[in-house]
Amino acid sequence: MAKVNAAGSALVYSTYLGGLGEDRDGGIAVDASGNAYVTGSTQSANFPTANPLQAALSGIGDAFVAKLNASGSALAYSTYLGGSDFDQGHDIAVNASGDAYVIGDTFSTNFPTANPLQAANGGNLDVFVARIFDSNASNFFTVTPCRVADTRNSVGPSGGPALGANTIRSFPVTGICGIPSTATAIALIVTVVGETDFGDLRLYPAGSPAPISSAINFAVQKVRASNAIIALGSGGQIAVQCDMTPGSTGQTHFLFDVTGYFQ
């Protein structure tokens, strides 16, 4: 990345941005303050991150989104954005509030979604469109990945039993794994295992209506995982709704690891 002065006579800054793997540019946008927003793709497990929405490479290659300050001296944020396959960012735009709009493509069936118009990959290669709030980026805090709940464990608020067909259960989040009571939302990896019927899980703030879209879909005895960002509800909890066909007597185990929080 480079910025040339208005006369074209000197570099204001010029910098590498990448890690040990293959990193490619996709698009750049500049806001009224001179901050640069860039997207592209990376296969580097050590791509430079700052206040990341997604702290680690999830697949073969992920998209990245980064904001560089006007002097080119620091990253305001830099994050991976992707699932378990190959994802790349192609272009980026920014509005007056500093929110970034990213478009790219993804082969991943677990590409991270939030309030999706289309919740699942339609087949092979799909386009993705994402909006990243600048205010959230400056107030996002990473934590060492930590397991908040696992229904395979003994019965308890964060443990068993398994989720039954067409039931809803709330899980506490704040006060666990370093998530403070002031947290408003969490970034997590949700995994389903031991499924005895087909279905999906909807994750949402406890005490709020269930969303239309699911956070993860599953098949019988197929371990599945996906990234999600979920707002916290009453008592710092999230609700999990297990959807299966009407009359099903199936169940699934559910676990989630938190990777960061917003406040």
Protein backbone atom coordinates (compact mmCIF):
# COMPACT_ATOMS: atom_id res chain seq x y z
CA MET A 1 0.00 0.00 0.00
CA ALA A 2 1.29 3.46 -0.87
CA LYS A 3 0.15 7.08 -0.67
CA VAL A 4 1.71 9.67 -3.00
CA ASN A 5 1.47 13.40 -2.28
CA ALA A 6 -0.78 15.63 -4.38
CA ALA A 7 2.09 16.80 -6.54
CA GLY A 8 3.16 13.25 -7.25
CA SER A 9 6.67 14.12 -6.15
CA ALA A 10 7.03 12.04 -2.98
CA LEU A 11 5.67 9.12 -1.02
CA VAL A 12 3.65 10.04 2.05
CA TYR A 13 3.92 6.40 3.05
CA SER A 14 4.50 3.00 1.46
CA THR A 15 4.13 -0.25 3.34
CA TYR A 16 3.94 -4.02 3.05
CA LEU A 17 0.79 -5.66 4.41
CA GLY A 18 0.96 -9.43 4.63
CA GLY A 19 2.38 -12.56 6.20
CA LEU A 20 4.27 -15.68 5.22
CA GLY A 21 1.70 -16.97 2.73
CA GLU A 22 0.25 -15.53 -0.46
CA ASP A 23 -1.56 -12.21 0.04
CA ARG A 24 -3.43 -10.35 -2.71
CA ASP A 25 -5.11 -6.97 -2.98
CA GLY A 26 -8.75 -6.58 -3.96
CA GLY A 27 -9.84 -3.00 -3.45
CA ILE A 28 -9.19 0.23 -1.57
CA ALA A 29 -11.31 3.15 -0.38
CA VAL A 30 -10.40 6.35 1.46
CA ASP A 31 -12.59 8.31 3.90
CA ALA A 32 -12.75 12.09 4.38
CA SER A 33 -10.02 11.93 7.04
CA GLY A 34 -7.58 10.12 4.77
CA ASN A 35 -7.88 6.71 6.42
CA ALA A 36 -7.45 3.87 3.92
CA TYR A 37 -9.73 0.81 3.88
CA VAL A 38 -8.45 -2.23 2.00
CA THR A 39 -9.64 -5.72 1.23
CA GLY A 40 -8.20 -8.72 -0.54
CA SER A 41 -7.30 -12.31 0.19
CA THR A 42 -4.67 -13.98 2.36
CA GLN A 43 -3.33 -17.47 2.86
CA SER A 44 -1.07 -16.30 5.69
CA ALA A 45 -1.67 -17.66 9.18
CA ASN A 46 0.28 -14.66 10.50
CA PHE A 47 -1.40 -11.90 8.49
CA PRO A 48 -1.16 -8.72 10.65
CA THR A 49 -4.35 -8.19 12.66
CA ALA A 50 -5.51 -5.43 14.99
CA ASN A 51 -8.80 -5.42 16.91
CA PRO A 52 -9.89 -8.31 14.67
CA LEU A 53 -13.44 -9.40 14.12
CA GLN A 54 -11.97 -12.81 13.23
CA ALA A 55 -8.55 -13.38 14.74
CA ALA A 56 -7.32 -16.43 12.83
CA LEU A 57 -7.20 -17.90 9.34
CA SER A 58 -10.19 -20.24 9.05
CA GLY A 59 -9.56 -22.08 5.81
CA ILE A 60 -7.38 -22.38 2.72
CA GLY A 61 -7.53 -18.63 2.27
CA ASP A 62 -9.66 -15.89 3.81
CA ALA A 63 -10.67 -12.42 2.80
CA PHE A 64 -9.14 -9.68 4.89
CA VAL A 65 -10.41 -6.20 5.74
CA ALA A 66 -8.08 -3.57 7.16
CA LYS A 67 -8.18 0.14 8.04
CA LEU A 68 -4.90 2.09 7.97
CA ASN A 69 -4.71 5.54 9.56
CA ALA A 70 -4.08 8.65 7.44
CA SER A 71 -0.35 8.79 8.13
CA GLY A 72 0.11 5.10 7.36
CA SER A 73 1.67 4.55 10.77
CA ALA A 74 -0.85 2.16 12.36
CA LEU A 75 -3.74 -0.19 11.71
CA ALA A 76 -7.02 0.94 13.26
CA TYR A 77 -8.23 -2.60 12.62
CA SER A 78 -7.32 -5.57 10.48
CA THR A 79 -9.28 -8.79 10.40
CA TYR A 80 -9.66 -12.09 8.60
CA LEU A 81 -13.10 -12.70 7.12
CA GLY A 82 -13.86 -16.21 5.97
CA GLY A 83 -14.82 -19.82 6.54
CA SER A 84 -13.22 -23.22 6.08
CA ASP A 85 -12.68 -23.02 2.30
CA PHE A 86 -11.34 -20.20 0.09
CA ASP A 87 -12.68 -16.65 0.37
CA GLN A 88 -11.50 -13.37 -1.14
CA GLY A 89 -12.47 -9.72 -0.97
CA HIS A 90 -12.73 -7.96 -4.33
CA ASP A 91 -13.78 -4.39 -3.55
CA ILE A 92 -14.58 -2.08 -0.66
CA ALA A 93 -16.43 1.18 -0.06
CA VAL A 94 -16.80 3.38 3.02
CA ASN A 95 -19.61 5.69 4.15
CA ALA A 96 -19.46 8.98 6.05
CA SER A 97 -19.63 7.13 9.39
CA GLY A 98 -16.59 5.01 8.59
CA ASP A 99 -18.53 1.79 8.01
CA ALA A 100 -16.86 -0.47 5.43
CA TYR A 101 -18.83 -2.32 2.75
CA VAL A 102 -17.03 -5.33 1.30
CA ILE A 103 -17.90 -7.53 -1.67
CA GLY A 104 -16.12 -10.72 -2.62
CA ASP A 105 -16.67 -14.42 -3.21
CA THR A 106 -16.61 -17.53 -1.06
CA PHE A 107 -16.49 -21.29 -1.47
CA SER A 108 -17.14 -21.74 2.27
CA THR A 109 -20.39 -23.20 3.59
CA ASN A 110 -19.66 -21.62 6.99
CA PHE A 111 -18.73 -18.10 5.92
CA PRO A 112 -19.55 -15.80 8.89
CA THR A 113 -22.97 -14.17 8.52
CA ALA A 114 -24.95 -11.62 10.52
CA ASN A 115 -28.58 -10.66 9.74
CA PRO A 116 -28.24 -12.51 6.39
CA LEU A 117 -30.52 -12.02 3.41
CA GLN A 118 -29.35 -15.51 2.35
CA ALA A 119 -28.20 -17.67 5.26
CA ALA A 120 -26.57 -20.58 3.39
CA ASN A 121 -24.19 -21.12 0.48
CA GLY A 122 -26.25 -21.66 -2.65
CA GLY A 123 -23.73 -24.02 -4.22
CA ASN A 124 -20.02 -24.01 -4.98
CA LEU A 125 -18.96 -20.33 -5.35
CA ASP A 126 -21.17 -17.57 -3.92
CA VAL A 127 -20.78 -13.81 -3.70
CA PHE A 128 -20.70 -12.29 -0.23
CA VAL A 129 -21.56 -8.75 0.85
CA ALA A 130 -20.63 -7.53 4.32
CA ARG A 131 -20.86 -4.28 6.27
CA ILE A 132 -18.37 -3.71 9.08
CA PHE A 133 -19.22 -1.04 11.63
CA ASP A 134 -16.23 1.12 12.43
CA SER A 135 -17.54 1.88 15.93
CA ASN A 136 -17.66 -1.84 16.69
CA ALA A 137 -14.14 -2.38 15.44
CA SER A 138 -12.70 0.14 17.90
CA ASN A 139 -14.60 -1.53 20.75
CA PHE A 140 -13.90 -5.16 19.95
CA PHE A 141 -11.68 -7.13 22.31
CA THR A 142 -10.17 -10.50 21.54
CA VAL A 143 -9.84 -13.31 24.05
CA THR A 144 -7.92 -16.55 23.84
CA PRO A 145 -10.47 -18.99 22.36
CA CYS A 146 -12.36 -20.36 25.33
CA ARG A 147 -15.24 -22.83 25.64
CA VAL A 148 -18.33 -21.24 27.17
CA ALA A 149 -20.75 -24.15 26.83
CA ASP A 150 -20.67 -27.85 25.92
CA THR A 151 -23.77 -30.00 26.29
CA ARG A 152 -21.63 -33.16 26.30
CA ASN A 153 -20.57 -32.23 29.81
CA SER A 154 -22.54 -33.02 32.96
CA VAL A 155 -25.93 -31.38 33.39
CA GLY A 156 -25.66 -27.71 34.31
CA PRO A 157 -26.17 -24.14 33.05
CA SER A 158 -23.26 -24.49 30.61
CA GLY A 159 -23.42 -28.26 30.14
CA GLY A 160 -25.90 -31.03 29.40
CA PRO A 161 -28.38 -32.24 28.51
CA ALA A 162 -28.30 -32.36 24.70
CA LEU A 163 -30.61 -30.01 22.82
CA GLY A 164 -33.90 -31.75 22.02
CA ALA A 165 -35.87 -31.29 18.82
CA ASN A 166 -37.75 -27.97 18.63
CA THR A 167 -36.67 -26.76 22.06
CA ILE A 168 -35.10 -23.51 23.24
CA ARG A 169 -32.46 -23.13 25.90
CA SER A 170 -30.48 -20.15 27.24
CA PHE A 171 -26.77 -20.23 28.09
CA PRO A 172 -24.92 -17.73 30.32
CA VAL A 173 -21.98 -15.91 28.71
CA THR A 174 -20.89 -12.92 30.80
CA GLY A 175 -18.65 -13.79 33.71
CA ILE A 176 -17.22 -16.78 31.80
CA CYS A 177 -13.96 -16.88 29.82
CA GLY A 178 -13.17 -13.26 30.69
CA ILE A 179 -16.36 -11.86 29.13
CA PRO A 180 -17.31 -8.82 31.26
CA SER A 181 -20.82 -7.85 32.32
CA THR A 182 -20.52 -4.79 30.05
CA ALA A 183 -20.22 -6.94 26.90
CA THR A 184 -23.00 -6.39 24.38
CA ALA A 185 -22.16 -9.12 21.84
CA ILE A 186 -19.70 -11.94 21.29
CA ALA A 187 -17.80 -13.48 18.40
CA LEU A 188 -17.90 -17.25 18.61
CA ILE A 189 -17.37 -20.56 16.89
CA VAL A 190 -20.42 -22.79 17.20
CA THR A 191 -20.14 -26.56 16.71
CA VAL A 192 -22.76 -29.30 16.54
CA VAL A 193 -21.92 -32.97 17.09
CA GLY A 194 -23.81 -36.21 17.74
CA GLU A 195 -26.89 -35.20 15.74
CA THR A 196 -29.61 -37.83 15.49
CA ASP A 197 -31.77 -35.93 12.99
CA PHE A 198 -31.44 -33.17 10.39
CA GLY A 199 -31.99 -29.60 11.53
CA ASP A 200 -30.51 -26.23 12.37
CA LEU A 201 -29.73 -24.02 15.33
CA ARG A 202 -30.80 -20.41 15.74
CA LEU A 203 -28.70 -18.32 18.14
CA TYR A 204 -29.99 -14.96 19.37
CA PRO A 205 -30.14 -12.67 22.43
CA ALA A 206 -31.98 -14.33 25.31
CA GLY A 207 -35.36 -12.72 25.82
CA SER A 208 -35.68 -11.60 22.20
CA PRO A 209 -37.72 -13.15 19.38
CA ALA A 210 -35.97 -15.89 17.41
CA PRO A 211 -34.55 -14.75 14.05
CA ILE A 212 -35.77 -16.23 10.78
CA SER A 213 -32.31 -17.40 9.74
CA SER A 214 -30.19 -20.10 11.35
CA ALA A 215 -26.61 -19.81 12.58
CA ILE A 216 -25.75 -23.35 11.52
CA ASN A 217 -27.43 -26.26 9.68
CA PHE A 218 -26.60 -29.90 10.37
CA ALA A 219 -27.09 -33.48 9.19
CA VAL A 220 -27.11 -36.78 11.07
CA GLN A 221 -23.79 -37.63 12.72
CA LYS A 222 -21.89 -34.93 10.82
CA VAL A 223 -19.73 -32.58 12.88
CA ARG A 224 -20.31 -29.01 11.69
CA ALA A 225 -18.83 -25.69 12.82
CA SER A 226 -19.47 -22.07 11.91
CA ASN A 227 -18.50 -18.55 12.96
CA ALA A 228 -21.12 -16.14 14.27
CA ILE A 229 -21.54 -12.82 16.04
CA ILE A 230 -24.42 -12.87 18.53
CA ALA A 231 -25.75 -10.01 20.65
CA LEU A 232 -26.22 -10.81 24.34
CA GLY A 233 -29.67 -10.70 25.87
CA SER A 234 -31.09 -10.59 29.37
CA GLY A 235 -28.62 -11.59 32.04
CA GLY A 236 -25.77 -11.69 29.52
CA GLN A 237 -27.17 -14.86 27.93
CA ILE A 238 -27.76 -16.19 24.44
CA ALA A 239 -30.71 -18.37 23.47
CA VAL A 240 -30.31 -21.45 21.28
CA GLN A 241 -33.28 -22.87 19.39
CA CYS A 242 -32.94 -26.38 17.95
CA ASP A 243 -35.12 -26.77 14.85
CA MET A 244 -35.97 -30.24 13.54
CA THR A 245 -38.96 -31.58 11.61
CA PRO A 246 -42.27 -31.47 13.52
CA GLY A 247 -42.71 -34.58 15.65
CA SER A 248 -38.99 -35.37 15.62
CA THR A 249 -37.56 -37.01 18.72
CA GLY A 250 -33.99 -36.20 17.67
CA GLN A 251 -31.34 -34.29 19.55
CA THR A 252 -27.90 -32.77 19.07
CA HIS A 253 -25.01 -31.74 21.23
CA PHE A 254 -23.92 -28.13 20.97
CA LEU A 255 -20.77 -26.31 22.03
CA PHE A 256 -19.40 -22.85 21.48
CA ASP A 257 -16.03 -21.18 21.91
CA VAL A 258 -15.83 -17.43 22.33
CA THR A 259 -13.06 -15.56 20.47
CA GLY A 260 -13.92 -11.97 21.43
CA TYR A 261 -16.55 -9.53 22.60
CA PHE A 262 -17.97 -6.09 21.89
CA GLN A 263 -18.73 -3.45 24.47
